[in-house]
C-alpha atoms as a PDB file:
ATOM      1  CA  UNK A   1     107.634  87.459 101.730  1.00  0.00           C
ATOM      2  CA  UNK A   2     107.917  91.198 101.377  1.00  0.00           C
ATOM      3  CA  UNK A   3     105.296  93.275  99.605  1.00  0.00           C
ATOM      4  CA  UNK A   4     107.744  95.197  97.449  1.00  0.00           C
ATOM      5  CA  UNK A   5     108.709  91.944  95.730  1.00  0.00           C
ATOM      6  CA  UNK A   6     105.108  91.329  94.783  1.00  0.00           C
ATOM      7  CA  UNK A   7     104.678  94.839  93.450  1.00  0.00           C
ATOM      8  CA  UNK A   8     107.893  94.646  91.498  1.00  0.00           C
ATOM      9  CA  UNK A   9     106.777  91.493  89.714  1.00  0.00           C
ATOM     10  CA  UNK A  10     103.457  93.107  88.912  1.00  0.00           C
ATOM     11  CA  UNK A  11     105.114  96.053  87.244  1.00  0.00           C
ATOM     12  CA  UNK A  12     106.917  93.870  84.729  1.00  0.00           C
ATOM     13  CA  UNK A  13     105.254  90.453  84.747  1.00  0.00           C
ATOM     14  CA  UNK A  14     103.858  88.857  81.567  1.00  0.00           C
ATOM     15  CA  UNK A  15     100.692  90.862  80.938  1.00  0.00           C
ATOM     16  CA  UNK A  16     101.203  90.886  77.170  1.00  0.00           C
ATOM     17  CA  UNK A  17     100.848  87.110  76.944  1.00  0.00           C
ATOM     18  CA  UNK A  18      97.763  87.268  79.145  1.00  0.00           C
ATOM     19  CA  UNK A  19      96.111  89.900  76.985  1.00  0.00           C
ATOM     20  CA  UNK A  20      96.626  87.727  73.911  1.00  0.00           C
ATOM     21  CA  UNK A  21      95.154  84.565  75.314  1.00  0.00           C
ATOM     22  CA  UNK A  22      91.982  86.073  76.814  1.00  0.00           C
ATOM     23  CA  UNK A  23      89.141  87.586  74.812  1.00  0.00           C
ATOM     24  CA  UNK A  24      88.702  91.360  75.274  1.00  0.00           C
ATOM     25  CA  UNK A  25      85.596  92.833  76.847  1.00  0.00           C
ATOM     26  CA  UNK A  26      83.798  95.810  75.342  1.00  0.00           C
ATOM     27  CA  UNK A  27      81.677  97.108  78.213  1.00  0.00           C
ATOM     28  CA  UNK A  28      82.230  98.306  81.749  1.00  0.00           C
ATOM     29  CA  UNK A  29      80.361  97.948  85.000  1.00  0.00           C
ATOM     30  CA  UNK A  30      81.627 100.221  87.774  1.00  0.00           C
ATOM     31  CA  UNK A  31      80.420 101.012  91.266  1.00  0.00           C
ATOM     32  CA  UNK A  32      80.735 104.751  90.722  1.00  0.00           C
ATOM     33  CA  UNK A  33      81.281 107.121  87.830  1.00  0.00           C
ATOM     34  CA  UNK A  34      84.778 108.599  87.470  1.00  0.00           C
ATOM     35  CA  UNK A  35      85.206 112.247  88.398  1.00  0.00           C
ATOM     36  CA  UNK A  36      85.041 114.787  85.593  1.00  0.00           C
ATOM     37  CA  UNK A  37      88.811 115.393  85.739  1.00  0.00           C
ATOM     38  CA  UNK A  38      89.888 111.759  85.956  1.00  0.00           C
ATOM     39  CA  UNK A  39      90.688 109.598  82.920  1.00  0.00           C
ATOM     40  CA  UNK A  40      87.951 107.080  82.141  1.00  0.00           C
ATOM     41  CA  UNK A  41      88.411 103.518  83.264  1.00  0.00           C
ATOM     42  CA  UNK A  42      89.965 101.236  80.676  1.00  0.00           C
ATOM     43  CA  UNK A  43      88.653  97.775  80.000  1.00  0.00           C
ATOM     44  CA  UNK A  44      90.889  94.726  79.909  1.00  0.00           C
ATOM     45  CA  UNK A  45      90.629  91.029  79.202  1.00  0.00           C
ATOM     46  CA  UNK A  46      87.586  89.459  80.840  1.00  0.00           C
ATOM     47  CA  UNK A  47      87.948  87.153  83.824  1.00  0.00           C
ATOM     48  CA  UNK A  48      86.095  83.951  84.566  1.00  0.00           C
ATOM     49  CA  UNK A  49      82.678  84.595  86.170  1.00  0.00           C
ATOM     50  CA  UNK A  50      82.702  84.126  89.936  1.00  0.00           C
ATOM     51  CA  UNK A  51      80.006  82.497  92.043  1.00  0.00           C
ATOM     52  CA  UNK A  52      77.767  84.328  94.489  1.00  0.00           C
ATOM     53  CA  UNK A  53      78.720  82.481  97.684  1.00  0.00           C
ATOM     54  CA  UNK A  54      81.761  82.895  99.906  1.00  0.00           C
ATOM     55  CA  UNK A  55      84.931  82.389  97.881  1.00  0.00           C
ATOM     56  CA  UNK A  56      88.633  82.185  98.592  1.00  0.00           C
ATOM     57  CA  UNK A  57      90.776  83.745  95.876  1.00  0.00           C
ATOM     58  CA  UNK A  58      94.547  83.235  95.719  1.00  0.00           C
ATOM     59  CA  UNK A  59      97.451  83.493  93.329  1.00  0.00           C
ATOM     60  CA  UNK A  60      99.623  80.680  92.014  1.00  0.00           C
ATOM     61  CA  UNK A  61     102.920  80.603  90.151  1.00  0.00           C
ATOM     62  CA  UNK A  62     102.353  80.373  86.393  1.00  0.00           C
ATOM     63  CA  UNK A  63     105.964  80.899  85.354  1.00  0.00           C
ATOM     64  CA  UNK A  64     109.259  82.120  86.719  1.00  0.00           C
ATOM     65  CA  UNK A  65     107.909  85.638  87.361  1.00  0.00           C
ATOM     66  CA  UNK A  66     104.221  85.272  86.590  1.00  0.00           C
ATOM     67  CA  UNK A  67     101.121  84.471  88.638  1.00  0.00           C
ATOM     68  CA  UNK A  68      97.513  83.521  87.939  1.00  0.00           C
ATOM     69  CA  UNK A  69      94.458  84.102  90.111  1.00  0.00           C
ATOM     70  CA  UNK A  70      92.315  81.149  91.176  1.00  0.00           C
ATOM     71  CA  UNK A  71      89.080  80.869  93.158  1.00  0.00           C
ATOM     72  CA  UNK A  72      87.997  77.973  95.348  1.00  0.00           C
ATOM     73  CA  UNK A  73      84.934  77.294  97.509  1.00  0.00           C
ATOM     74  CA  UNK A  74      85.805  77.145 101.236  1.00  0.00           C
ATOM     75  CA  UNK A  75      84.060  73.773 101.386  1.00  0.00           C
ATOM     76  CA  UNK A  76      86.478  72.336  98.822  1.00  0.00           C
ATOM     77  CA  UNK A  77      86.461  71.413  95.178  1.00  0.00           C
ATOM     78  CA  UNK A  78      88.642  72.121  92.183  1.00  0.00           C
ATOM     79  CA  UNK A  79      89.975  75.690  92.021  1.00  0.00           C
ATOM     80  CA  UNK A  80      88.829  77.754  89.031  1.00  0.00           C
ATOM     81  CA  UNK A  81      91.250  79.844  87.000  1.00  0.00           C
ATOM     82  CA  UNK A  82      90.116  83.484  87.137  1.00  0.00           C
ATOM     83  CA  UNK A  83      92.791  85.304  85.100  1.00  0.00           C
ATOM     84  CA  UNK A  84      96.380  86.491  85.223  1.00  0.00           C
ATOM     85  CA  UNK A  85      97.310  88.574  88.291  1.00  0.00           C
ATOM     86  CA  UNK A  86      98.356  88.476  91.926  1.00  0.00           C
ATOM     87  CA  UNK A  87      97.702  89.807  95.441  1.00  0.00           C
ATOM     88  CA  UNK A  88      93.858  89.611  95.251  1.00  0.00           C
ATOM     89  CA  UNK A  89      91.556  91.350  97.738  1.00  0.00           C
ATOM     90  CA  UNK A  90      87.766  91.209  97.913  1.00  0.00           C
ATOM     91  CA  UNK A  91      85.804  94.418  98.338  1.00  0.00           C
ATOM     92  CA  UNK A  92      83.958  94.582 101.689  1.00  0.00           C
ATOM     93  CA  UNK A  93      80.606  93.790 100.034  1.00  0.00           C
ATOM     94  CA  UNK A  94      82.047  90.981  97.895  1.00  0.00           C
ATOM     95  CA  UNK A  95      81.022  92.611  94.606  1.00  0.00           C
ATOM     96  CA  UNK A  96      84.519  93.328  93.274  1.00  0.00           C
ATOM     97  CA  UNK A  97      87.972  91.808  93.390  1.00  0.00           C
ATOM     98  CA  UNK A  98      91.065  93.989  93.273  1.00  0.00           C
ATOM     99  CA  UNK A  99      94.396  92.589  92.132  1.00  0.00           C
ATOM    100  CA  UNK A 100      97.807  93.629  90.856  1.00  0.00           C
ATOM    101  CA  UNK A 101      98.856  93.242  87.226  1.00  0.00           C
ATOM    102  CA  UNK A 102     100.221  95.175  84.283  1.00  0.00           C
ATOM    103  CA  UNK A 103      97.155  95.863  82.137  1.00  0.00           C
ATOM    104  CA  UNK A 104      98.757  98.483  79.870  1.00  0.00           C
ATOM    105  CA  UNK A 105     102.039  97.038  78.600  1.00  0.00           C
ATOM    106  CA  UNK A 106     104.697  98.146  77.938  1.00  0.00           C
ATOM    107  CA  UNK A 107     104.131 101.174  80.208  1.00  0.00           C
ATOM    108  CA  UNK A 108     102.804  99.077  83.113  1.00  0.00           C
ATOM    109  CA  UNK A 109     101.351 102.050  84.955  1.00  0.00           C
ATOM    110  CA  UNK A 110      98.242 100.174  86.145  1.00  0.00           C
ATOM    111  CA  UNK A 111      97.365 101.620  89.552  1.00  0.00           C
ATOM    112  CA  UNK A 112      93.980  99.969  90.212  1.00  0.00           C
ATOM    113  CA  UNK A 113      92.709  96.739  88.629  1.00  0.00           C
ATOM    114  CA  UNK A 114      89.226  95.440  89.424  1.00  0.00           C
ATOM    115  CA  UNK A 115      87.105  92.436  88.487  1.00  0.00           C
ATOM    116  CA  UNK A 116      83.328  92.782  88.641  1.00  0.00           C
ATOM    117  CA  UNK A 117      82.196  89.617  90.377  1.00  0.00           C
ATOM    118  CA  UNK A 118      78.806  89.287  88.705  1.00  0.00           C
ATOM    119  CA  UNK A 119      80.089  89.618  85.141  1.00  0.00           C
ATOM    120  CA  UNK A 120      83.816  88.880  85.172  1.00  0.00           C
ATOM    121  CA  UNK A 121      84.471  92.233  83.488  1.00  0.00           C
ATOM    122  CA  UNK A 122      87.861  93.756  84.228  1.00  0.00           C
ATOM    123  CA  UNK A 123      88.646  97.456  84.307  1.00  0.00           C
ATOM    124  CA  UNK A 124      91.573  99.495  85.477  1.00  0.00           C
ATOM    125  CA  UNK A 125      92.773 103.017  86.224  1.00  0.00           C
ATOM    126  CA  UNK A 126      96.281 104.396  85.683  1.00  0.00           C
ATOM    127  CA  UNK A 127      98.529 105.505  88.510  1.00  0.00           C
ATOM    128  CA  UNK A 128      97.467 109.096  89.255  1.00  0.00           C
ATOM    129  CA  UNK A 129     101.006 110.489  89.566  1.00  0.00           C
ATOM    130  CA  UNK A 130     103.560 109.539  86.866  1.00  0.00           C
ATOM    131  CA  UNK A 131     106.442 110.141  89.274  1.00  0.00           C
ATOM    132  CA  UNK A 132     105.052 107.846  91.979  1.00  0.00           C
ATOM    133  CA  UNK A 133     104.621 104.098  91.500  1.00  0.00           C
ATOM    134  CA  UNK A 134     101.401 103.103  93.263  1.00  0.00           C
ATOM    135  CA  UNK A 135     100.040  99.582  93.143  1.00  0.00           C
ATOM    136  CA  UNK A 136      96.698  99.683  94.967  1.00  0.00           C
ATOM    137  CA  UNK A 137      94.849  96.527  96.018  1.00  0.00           C
ATOM    138  CA  UNK A 138      93.933  96.746  99.722  1.00  0.00           C
ATOM    139  CA  UNK A 139      90.318  97.800 100.313  1.00  0.00           C
ATOM    140  CA  UNK A 140      89.372 100.078 103.176  1.00  0.00           C
ATOM    141  CA  UNK A 141      86.345  98.716 105.107  1.00  0.00           C
ATOM    142  CA  UNK A 142      84.256 101.581 103.718  1.00  0.00           C
ATOM    143  CA  UNK A 143      84.738 100.210 100.193  1.00  0.00           C
ATOM    144  CA  UNK A 144      85.519 103.732  98.996  1.00  0.00           C
ATOM    145  CA  UNK A 145      89.326 103.683  98.857  1.00  0.00           C
ATOM    146  CA  UNK A 146      92.249 101.365  98.196  1.00  0.00           C
ATOM    147  CA  UNK A 147      95.602 101.532  99.980  1.00  0.00           C
ATOM    148  CA  UNK A 148      98.791 101.587  97.912  1.00  0.00           C
ATOM    149  CA  UNK A 149     102.510 101.031  98.300  1.00  0.00           C
ATOM    150  CA  UNK A 150     103.975 104.296  96.976  1.00  0.00           C
ATOM    151  CA  UNK A 151     107.553 104.481  95.710  1.00  0.00           C
ATOM    152  CA  UNK A 152     109.312 107.206  93.718  1.00  0.00           C
ATOM    153  CA  UNK A 153     112.652 106.735  91.975  1.00  0.00           C
ATOM    154  CA  UNK A 154     112.995 110.438  91.184  1.00  0.00           C
ATOM    155  CA  UNK A 155     112.144 111.585  94.723  1.00  0.00           C
ATOM    156  CA  UNK A 156     112.471 108.794  97.349  1.00  0.00           C
ATOM    157  CA  UNK A 157     111.370 111.237 100.052  1.00  0.00           C
ATOM    158  CA  UNK A 158     107.835 110.621  98.755  1.00  0.00           C
ATOM    159  CA  UNK A 159     107.897 106.892  99.614  1.00  0.00           C
ATOM    160  CA  UNK A 160     105.106 105.691 101.870  1.00  0.00           C
ATOM    161  CA  UNK A 161     101.548 104.384 101.966  1.00  0.00           C
ATOM    162  CA  UNK A 162      98.916 106.240  99.938  1.00  0.00           C
ATOM    163  CA  UNK A 163      95.226 105.798  99.202  1.00  0.00           C
ATOM    164  CA  UNK A 164      93.148 106.382  96.057  1.00  0.00           C
ATOM    165  CA  UNK A 165      89.444 106.255  95.346  1.00  0.00           C
ATOM    166  CA  UNK A 166      88.224 102.871  94.157  1.00  0.00           C
ATOM    167  CA  UNK A 167      85.707 104.536  91.839  1.00  0.00           C
ATOM    168  CA  UNK A 168      88.232 106.311  89.601  1.00  0.00           C
ATOM    169  CA  UNK A 169      91.770 105.648  90.867  1.00  0.00           C
ATOM    170  CA  UNK A 170      92.206 109.343  91.715  1.00  0.00           C
ATOM    171  CA  UNK A 171      92.311 111.299  94.982  1.00  0.00           C
ATOM    172  CA  UNK A 172      95.884 110.322  95.831  1.00  0.00           C
ATOM    173  CA  UNK A 173      96.301 110.866  99.573  1.00  0.00           C
ATOM    174  CA  UNK A 174      99.429 110.227 101.638  1.00  0.00           C
ATOM    175  CA  UNK A 175      99.104 108.199 104.843  1.00  0.00           C
ATOM    176  CA  UNK A 176     102.704 107.392 105.903  1.00  0.00           C
ATOM    177  CA  UNK A 177     106.164 108.723 105.121  1.00  0.00           C
ATOM    178  CA  UNK A 178     109.324 106.604 104.853  1.00  0.00           C
ATOM    179  CA  UNK A 179     111.932 108.528 102.804  1.00  0.00           C
ATOM    180  CA  UNK A 180     114.052 106.087 100.825  1.00  0.00           C
ATOM    181  CA  UNK A 181     112.414 103.102 102.509  1.00  0.00           C
ATOM    182  CA  UNK A 182     109.344 101.001 101.792  1.00  0.00           C
ATOM    183  CA  UNK A 183     105.984 101.118 103.562  1.00  0.00           C
ATOM    184  CA  UNK A 184     103.496  98.520 102.301  1.00  0.00           C
ATOM    185  CA  UNK A 185      99.833  98.411 103.437  1.00  0.00           C
ATOM    186  CA  UNK A 186      98.807  95.015 104.801  1.00  0.00           C
ATOM    187  CA  UNK A 187      95.386  95.191 106.519  1.00  0.00           C
ATOM    188  CA  UNK A 188      92.814  97.593 107.934  1.00  0.00           C
ATOM    189  CA  UNK A 189      91.154  97.221 111.309  1.00  0.00           C
ATOM    190  CA  UNK A 190      87.519  96.136 110.851  1.00  0.00           C
ATOM    191  CA  UNK A 191      86.243  99.595 111.836  1.00  0.00           C
ATOM    192  CA  UNK A 192      88.577 101.245 109.321  1.00  0.00           C
ATOM    193  CA  UNK A 193      90.260 103.467 111.906  1.00  0.00           C
ATOM    194  CA  UNK A 194      93.683 101.802 111.892  1.00  0.00           C
ATOM    195  CA  UNK A 195      96.052 100.561 109.208  1.00  0.00           C
ATOM    196  CA  UNK A 196      98.559  97.736 109.552  1.00  0.00           C
ATOM    197  CA  UNK A 197     101.620  98.098 107.327  1.00  0.00           C
ATOM    198  CA  UNK A 198     105.121  96.723 106.954  1.00  0.00           C
ATOM    199  CA  UNK A 199     108.057  99.121 107.107  1.00  0.00           C
ATOM    200  CA  UNK A 200     111.536  98.650 105.689  1.00  0.00           C
ATOM    201  CA  UNK A 201     113.946 101.527 106.425  1.00  0.00           C
ATOM    202  CA  UNK A 202     116.031 103.171 103.733  1.00  0.00           C
ATOM    203  CA  UNK A 203     119.298 101.622 104.904  1.00  0.00           C
ATOM    204  CA  UNK A 204     117.992  98.037 105.122  1.00  0.00           C
ATOM    205  CA  UNK A 205     119.364  96.891 101.761  1.00  0.00           C
ATOM    206  CA  UNK A 206     118.271  93.330 101.006  1.00  0.00           C
ATOM    207  CA  UNK A 207     118.104  92.383 104.682  1.00  0.00           C
ATOM    208  CA  UNK A 208     114.775  92.071 106.476  1.00  0.00           C
ATOM    209  CA  UNK A 209     116.409  92.315 109.906  1.00  0.00           C
ATOM    210  CA  UNK A 210     115.141  95.870 110.436  1.00  0.00           C
ATOM    211  CA  UNK A 211     111.712  95.358 108.854  1.00  0.00           C
ATOM    212  CA  UNK A 212     108.656  95.095 111.100  1.00  0.00           C
ATOM    213  CA  UNK A 213     104.880  95.538 111.248  1.00  0.00           C
ATOM    214  CA  UNK A 214     103.474  98.890 112.343  1.00  0.00           C
ATOM    215  CA  UNK A 215     100.014 100.259 113.105  1.00  0.00           C
ATOM    216  CA  UNK A 216      98.932 103.840 112.443  1.00  0.00           C
ATOM    217  CA  UNK A 217      95.740 105.813 112.056  1.00  0.00           C
ATOM    218  CA  UNK A 218      94.136 105.233 108.677  1.00  0.00           C
ATOM    219  CA  UNK A 219      94.371 108.992 108.200  1.00  0.00           C
ATOM    220  CA  UNK A 220      98.074 109.072 109.016  1.00  0.00           C
ATOM    221  CA  UNK A 221     100.016 110.133 112.078  1.00  0.00           C
ATOM    222  CA  UNK A 222     102.372 108.469 114.525  1.00  0.00           C
ATOM    223  CA  UNK A 223     103.122 104.830 113.722  1.00  0.00           C
ATOM    224  CA  UNK A 224     103.585 102.226 116.438  1.00  0.00           C
ATOM    225  CA  UNK A 225     105.773  99.170 115.881  1.00  0.00           C
ATOM    226  CA  UNK A 226     103.896  96.055 117.039  1.00  0.00           C
ATOM    227  CA  UNK A 227     106.385  93.286 116.186  1.00  0.00           C
ATOM    228  CA  UNK A 228     110.088  92.832 116.929  1.00  0.00           C
ATOM    229  CA  UNK A 229     112.491  93.851 114.176  1.00  0.00           C
ATOM    230  CA  UNK A 230     112.714  91.109 111.571  1.00  0.00           C
ATOM    231  CA  UNK A 231     109.106  90.005 112.137  1.00  0.00           C
ATOM    232  CA  UNK A 232     107.035  91.142 109.181  1.00  0.00           C
ATOM    233  CA  UNK A 233     104.620  89.942 106.491  1.00  0.00           C
ATOM    234  CA  UNK A 234     102.905  91.193 103.323  1.00  0.00           C
ATOM    235  CA  UNK A 235      99.746  89.124 103.836  1.00  0.00           C
ATOM    236  CA  UNK A 236      98.880  89.396 107.524  1.00  0.00           C
ATOM    237  CA  UNK A 237      95.249  89.504 108.664  1.00  0.00           C
ATOM    238  CA  UNK A 238      93.249  91.505 111.186  1.00  0.00           C
ATOM    239  CA  UNK A 239      90.617  89.437 112.976  1.00  0.00           C
ATOM    240  CA  UNK A 240      86.999  90.451 112.245  1.00  0.00           C
ATOM    241  CA  UNK A 241      86.466  91.223 115.946  1.00  0.00           C
ATOM    242  CA  UNK A 242      89.417  93.628 115.850  1.00  0.00           C
ATOM    243  CA  UNK A 243      91.218  92.004 118.783  1.00  0.00           C
ATOM    244  CA  UNK A 244      94.192  90.368 117.104  1.00  0.00           C
ATOM    245  CA  UNK A 245      96.468  90.302 114.081  1.00  0.00           C
ATOM    246  CA  UNK A 246      97.860  87.071 112.632  1.00  0.00           C
ATOM    247  CA  UNK A 247     101.005  87.121 110.521  1.00  0.00           C
ATOM    248  CA  UNK A 248     103.857  84.930 109.302  1.00  0.00           C
ATOM    249  CA  UNK A 249     107.589  85.153 109.900  1.00  0.00           C
ATOM    250  CA  UNK A 250     110.292  82.501 109.464  1.00  0.00           C
ATOM    251  CA  UNK A 251     107.699  80.002 108.192  1.00  0.00           C
ATOM    252  CA  UNK A 252     105.519  80.160 111.310  1.00  0.00           C
ATOM    253  CA  UNK A 253     102.263  81.920 112.158  1.00  0.00           C
ATOM    254  CA  UNK A 254     102.099  84.387 115.051  1.00  0.00           C
ATOM    255  CA  UNK A 255      99.297  86.271 116.769  1.00  0.00           C
ATOM    256  CA  UNK A 256      99.675  89.727 118.326  1.00  0.00           C
ATOM    257  CA  UNK A 257      97.296  92.348 119.684  1.00  0.00           C
ATOM    258  CA  UNK A 258      96.970  95.593 117.704  1.00  0.00           C
ATOM    259  CA  UNK A 259      98.918  97.421 120.423  1.00  0.00           C
ATOM    260  CA  UNK A 260     101.853  95.001 120.087  1.00  0.00           C
ATOM    261  CA  UNK A 261     101.245  93.049 123.296  1.00  0.00           C
ATOM    262  CA  UNK A 262     100.654  89.332 123.750  1.00  0.00           C
ATOM    263  CA  UNK A 263     102.597  88.084 120.735  1.00  0.00           C
ATOM    264  CA  UNK A 264     102.790  84.311 120.567  1.00  0.00           C
ATOM    265  CA  UNK A 265     103.517  81.611 118.027  1.00  0.00           C
ATOM    266  CA  UNK A 266     100.587  79.496 116.837  1.00  0.00           C
ATOM    267  CA  UNK A 267     100.928  75.730 116.949  1.00  0.00           C
ATOM    268  CA  UNK A 268      99.522  74.776 113.552  1.00  0.00           C
ATOM    269  CA  UNK A 269      98.534  71.116 113.251  1.00  0.00           C
ATOM    270  CA  UNK A 270      96.198  68.896 111.254  1.00  0.00           C
ATOM    271  CA  UNK A 271      93.144  67.185 112.679  1.00  0.00           C
ATOM    272  CA  UNK A 272      95.270  64.153 113.643  1.00  0.00           C
ATOM    273  CA  UNK A 273      97.800  66.351 115.427  1.00  0.00           C
ATOM    274  CA  UNK A 274     100.484  66.376 112.721  1.00  0.00           C
ATOM    275  CA  UNK A 275     102.309  69.727 112.888  1.00  0.00           C
ATOM    276  CA  UNK A 276     102.498  71.860 109.763  1.00  0.00           C
ATOM    277  CA  UNK A 277     105.670  73.817 109.013  1.00  0.00           C
ATOM    278  CA  UNK A 278     106.520  76.424 106.386  1.00  0.00           C
ATOM    279  CA  UNK A 279     103.197  78.218 106.864  1.00  0.00           C
ATOM    280  CA  UNK A 280     102.557  81.726 105.511  1.00  0.00           C
ATOM    281  CA  UNK A 281     100.045  84.167 103.921  1.00  0.00           C
ATOM    282  CA  UNK A 282      97.207  83.898 106.428  1.00  0.00           C
ATOM    283  CA  UNK A 283      93.673  85.348 106.186  1.00  0.00           C
ATOM    284  CA  UNK A 284      90.476  85.108 108.253  1.00  0.00           C
ATOM    285  CA  UNK A 285      87.077  83.885 107.154  1.00  0.00           C
ATOM    286  CA  UNK A 286      84.482  86.703 107.121  1.00  0.00           C
ATOM    287  CA  UNK A 287      82.963  85.500 110.413  1.00  0.00           C
ATOM    288  CA  UNK A 288      86.335  84.935 112.093  1.00  0.00           C
ATOM    289  CA  UNK A 289      85.680  81.264 112.788  1.00  0.00           C
ATOM    290  CA  UNK A 290      88.484  79.984 110.543  1.00  0.00           C
ATOM    291  CA  UNK A 291      91.770  80.978 108.988  1.00  0.00           C
ATOM    292  CA  UNK A 292      93.143  80.065 105.569  1.00  0.00           C
ATOM    293  CA  UNK A 293      96.884  79.967 105.004  1.00  0.00           C
ATOM    294  CA  UNK A 294      99.553  78.660 102.651  1.00  0.00           C
ATOM    295  CA  UNK A 295     101.888  75.733 103.267  1.00  0.00           C
ATOM    296  CA  UNK A 296     105.124  75.031 101.417  1.00  0.00           C
ATOM    297  CA  UNK A 297     107.098  71.802 101.378  1.00  0.00           C
ATOM    298  CA  UNK A 298     106.090  68.241 100.554  1.00  0.00           C
ATOM    299  CA  UNK A 299     102.319  68.919 100.543  1.00  0.00           C
ATOM    300  CA  UNK A 300     101.942  72.530  99.355  1.00  0.00           C
ATOM    301  CA  UNK A 301      98.626  74.288  99.042  1.00  0.00           C
ATOM    302  CA  UNK A 302      96.025  76.161 101.043  1.00  0.00           C
ATOM    303  CA  UNK A 303      94.859  74.859 104.411  1.00  0.00           C
ATOM    304  CA  UNK A 304      91.917  75.781 106.649  1.00  0.00           C
ATOM    305  CA  UNK A 305      92.155  75.731 110.439  1.00  0.00           C
ATOM    306  CA  UNK A 306      90.625  77.114 113.607  1.00  0.00           C
ATOM    307  CA  UNK A 307      91.934  80.583 114.530  1.00  0.00           C
ATOM    308  CA  UNK A 308      94.352  79.027 117.036  1.00  0.00           C
ATOM    309  CA  UNK A 309      95.905  76.888 114.278  1.00  0.00           C
ATOM    310  CA  UNK A 310      94.356  73.583 115.313  1.00  0.00           C
ATOM    311  CA  UNK A 311      92.286  71.230 113.153  1.00  0.00           C
ATOM    312  CA  UNK A 312      94.005  72.153 109.895  1.00  0.00           C
ATOM    313  CA  UNK A 313      92.683  70.526 106.726  1.00  0.00           C
ATOM    314  CA  UNK A 314      94.092  70.773 103.222  1.00  0.00           C
ATOM    315  CA  UNK A 315      91.977  72.769 100.770  1.00  0.00           C
ATOM    316  CA  UNK A 316      94.076  72.845  97.585  1.00  0.00           C
ATOM    317  CA  UNK A 317      96.674  70.457  96.196  1.00  0.00           C
ATOM    318  CA  UNK A 318      98.450  72.497  93.540  1.00  0.00           C
ATOM    319  CA  UNK A 319     101.825  71.417  92.133  1.00  0.00           C
ATOM    320  CA  UNK A 320     103.220  74.852  93.069  1.00  0.00           C
ATOM    321  CA  UNK A 321     102.724  77.015  96.128  1.00  0.00           C
ATOM    322  CA  UNK A 322      99.440  78.899  96.500  1.00  0.00           C
ATOM    323  CA  UNK A 323      99.853  82.419  97.863  1.00  0.00           C
ATOM    324  CA  UNK A 324      97.934  85.446  99.163  1.00  0.00           C
ATOM    325  CA  UNK A 325      94.575  83.808  99.898  1.00  0.00           C
ATOM    326  CA  UNK A 326      91.741  86.239 100.543  1.00  0.00           C
ATOM    327  CA  UNK A 327      88.348  85.053 101.810  1.00  0.00           C
ATOM    328  CA  UNK A 328      85.392  87.076 100.548  1.00  0.00           C
ATOM    329  CA  UNK A 329      81.820  87.381 101.748  1.00  0.00           C
ATOM    330  CA  UNK A 330      78.907  86.173  99.665  1.00  0.00           C
ATOM    331  CA  UNK A 331      78.044  88.623  96.927  1.00  0.00           C
ATOM    332  CA  UNK A 332      75.599  91.289  98.080  1.00  0.00           C
ATOM    333  CA  UNK A 333      76.193  90.543 101.769  1.00  0.00           C
END
């Protein structure tokens, strides 16, 4: 799946219904005060409280173009509905969860949306530039900024990856440039120095044949393609030790080094050796000892496995596909 599709659904997807069915919150807990020139954070419908231990959060289809966030313990159990939204990412310290959703319909200019883990309170900041669509959900390892997919209809030369401050949604800073195309941030290296992103050129149309994964400095600069053309993902994962990147293409998981060498397909199989196909949306556990990924087909859901793909066990058994799993550390870790 391509990141622009996710962002497009977020811009228009059923937030009005969600606002009506969830009780509003009246207070705000934020990690840092907004700057004096930035608009204050707005509150939104409260989310379900989240536990303090390690949690996997994912999104699930709730309608034709709508998704809900769920949380599940890595050891198993029934997933808990968190709220409406998609593409969740835990903050590095596990205290907040970012996600994508329209929290100010009908304008749908929500740039940053955050859930406070301890309270379930939700707050959001508008996109800082009205002429640049920026949906920001990917945390930098510092916890200070979020990376965004930036697209401008009025001036496509501005398209690229940007960052904003997590504390106030401001400080828009350009990282990559792809005039007329789409650059979507996917993962940071654990030390925060490098950024993995997917790139679709301006002339690609609806084809993904020329789309690939690239790595660049987190501050911007020359980008290096690390996968063959046509091999890309919007939910790839950088291993906690920094040595490898795991991603999905054509329904299979692949591993590649950050410099683009050593790419190989993972043989994903259950504990009894049964191969799993139609795998996608992979993420690492905080300690790197496991991966969580999605499976489509006859037995859809999330599965856990060793980093090499072996020993896979089913974690969720939803009637629809579970997407974009993100495994967070215990709160306060």
